[in-house]
């Protein structure tokens, strides 16, 4: 297992705001957040559970491609450079409905280019 960075303690309200921004697809009209739920963990990282509708999938496809996930992660890092995005992501359920998740935290040390 890879060593993870230490995460800054952040309020759930702040993390929720960032997650809403991360999960608003700018290419959808009208733009709206796809965040369903935010889960806080003891090590100060968060899990954003979100609606699969965030991804615009080609007809007949039910799961985002590796490229779509990578583009999503790059977009987050570009807009929020102090956010650490976990490598793992995936599919889950929320209240019996299909959902996706991504884990993130805020670097404890200031971000430097």
Protein backbone atom coordinates (compact mmCIF):
# COMPACT_ATOMS: atom_id res chain seq x y z
CA UNK A 1 0.00 0.00 0.00
CA UNK A 2 1.25 3.46 -0.86
CA UNK A 3 1.78 6.01 1.88
CA UNK A 4 -0.90 8.66 1.82
CA UNK A 5 -0.22 12.30 2.65
CA UNK A 6 -1.51 13.81 5.86
CA UNK A 7 -4.77 15.62 5.33
CA UNK A 8 -5.72 18.98 6.75
CA UNK A 9 -8.72 18.93 9.06
CA UNK A 10 -11.48 20.62 7.10
CA UNK A 11 -15.05 21.30 8.03
CA UNK A 12 -17.66 19.10 6.38
CA UNK A 13 -19.33 22.28 5.11
CA UNK A 14 -16.16 23.35 3.28
CA UNK A 15 -15.60 19.86 1.86
CA UNK A 16 -19.25 19.72 0.79
CA UNK A 17 -18.89 23.02 -1.10
CA UNK A 18 -15.75 21.76 -2.87
CA UNK A 19 -17.42 18.43 -3.69
CA UNK A 20 -20.44 20.24 -5.15
CA UNK A 21 -18.10 22.28 -7.36
CA UNK A 22 -16.17 19.15 -8.39
CA UNK A 23 -19.37 17.34 -9.29
CA UNK A 24 -20.97 20.04 -11.39
CA UNK A 25 -20.42 19.05 -15.00
CA UNK A 26 -19.79 22.29 -16.95
CA UNK A 27 -20.85 20.62 -20.19
CA UNK A 28 -24.38 19.83 -19.04
CA UNK A 29 -27.21 22.30 -19.42
CA UNK A 30 -28.28 23.53 -17.00
CA UNK A 31 -25.24 22.93 -14.79
CA UNK A 32 -26.19 21.29 -11.50
CA UNK A 33 -24.33 19.34 -8.88
CA UNK A 34 -24.51 15.56 -8.96
CA UNK A 35 -23.31 15.16 -5.37
CA UNK A 36 -25.59 12.81 -3.43
CA UNK A 37 -23.72 12.44 -0.16
CA UNK A 38 -20.43 13.37 1.48
CA UNK A 39 -18.86 10.99 3.99
CA UNK A 40 -16.15 12.25 6.38
CA UNK A 41 -13.46 9.87 7.68
CA UNK A 42 -11.32 10.05 10.83
CA UNK A 43 -8.11 10.65 8.85
CA UNK A 44 -9.68 13.87 7.47
CA UNK A 45 -10.42 12.57 3.99
CA UNK A 46 -13.87 12.49 2.41
CA UNK A 47 -15.86 10.29 0.05
CA UNK A 48 -18.15 12.00 -2.42
CA UNK A 49 -20.98 9.76 -3.56
CA UNK A 50 -22.53 11.05 -6.75
CA UNK A 51 -25.11 10.43 -9.43
CA UNK A 52 -23.88 8.55 -12.53
CA UNK A 53 -25.53 11.29 -14.63
CA UNK A 54 -22.40 13.39 -13.96
CA UNK A 55 -20.74 11.50 -16.81
CA UNK A 56 -22.06 11.96 -20.31
CA UNK A 57 -21.82 8.42 -21.67
CA UNK A 58 -21.98 7.29 -25.27
CA UNK A 59 -25.18 5.51 -26.20
CA UNK A 60 -25.15 1.93 -24.97
CA UNK A 61 -22.44 2.53 -22.36
CA UNK A 62 -23.31 2.22 -18.66
CA UNK A 63 -19.92 2.87 -17.10
CA UNK A 64 -17.46 5.74 -17.60
CA UNK A 65 -14.26 4.85 -19.40
CA UNK A 66 -10.84 5.04 -17.76
CA UNK A 67 -10.24 8.15 -19.87
CA UNK A 68 -13.39 9.81 -18.51
CA UNK A 69 -12.32 9.11 -14.92
CA UNK A 70 -8.83 10.48 -15.62
CA UNK A 71 -10.24 13.61 -17.26
CA UNK A 72 -12.52 14.09 -14.26
CA UNK A 73 -9.60 13.79 -11.82
CA UNK A 74 -7.46 16.20 -13.88
CA UNK A 75 -10.31 18.72 -13.93
CA UNK A 76 -10.57 18.56 -10.14
CA UNK A 77 -6.82 19.05 -9.66
CA UNK A 78 -6.78 21.99 -12.09
CA UNK A 79 -9.53 23.81 -10.20
CA UNK A 80 -8.53 22.70 -6.69
CA UNK A 81 -4.75 22.16 -6.56
CA UNK A 82 -4.82 21.66 -2.76
CA UNK A 83 -7.03 18.56 -3.18
CA UNK A 84 -5.52 15.08 -3.12
CA UNK A 85 -7.54 12.63 -5.25
CA UNK A 86 -7.28 8.96 -4.35
CA UNK A 87 -6.34 6.62 -7.18
CA UNK A 88 -9.25 4.29 -6.45
CA UNK A 89 -12.78 5.28 -7.40
CA UNK A 90 -15.78 3.23 -8.26
CA UNK A 91 -19.38 2.24 -8.16
CA UNK A 92 -21.59 1.89 -5.09
CA UNK A 93 -25.25 2.20 -4.20
CA UNK A 94 -27.09 4.88 -2.28
CA UNK A 95 -30.59 4.12 -1.03
CA UNK A 96 -30.81 1.26 -3.50
CA UNK A 97 -29.78 3.40 -6.48
CA UNK A 98 -26.61 3.07 -8.51
CA UNK A 99 -23.98 5.70 -7.67
CA UNK A 100 -20.27 6.40 -8.10
CA UNK A 101 -17.75 7.56 -5.54
CA UNK A 102 -14.43 9.35 -5.42
CA UNK A 103 -12.28 9.91 -2.31
CA UNK A 104 -10.36 13.10 -1.66
CA UNK A 105 -8.61 15.07 1.03
CA UNK A 106 -6.96 18.45 1.44
CA UNK A 107 -3.17 18.48 1.68
CA UNK A 108 -1.93 19.38 5.17
CA UNK A 109 1.08 21.18 3.71
CA UNK A 110 0.56 24.15 1.39
CA UNK A 111 0.49 23.17 -2.27
CA UNK A 112 3.54 24.27 -4.26
CA UNK A 113 3.93 24.15 -8.05
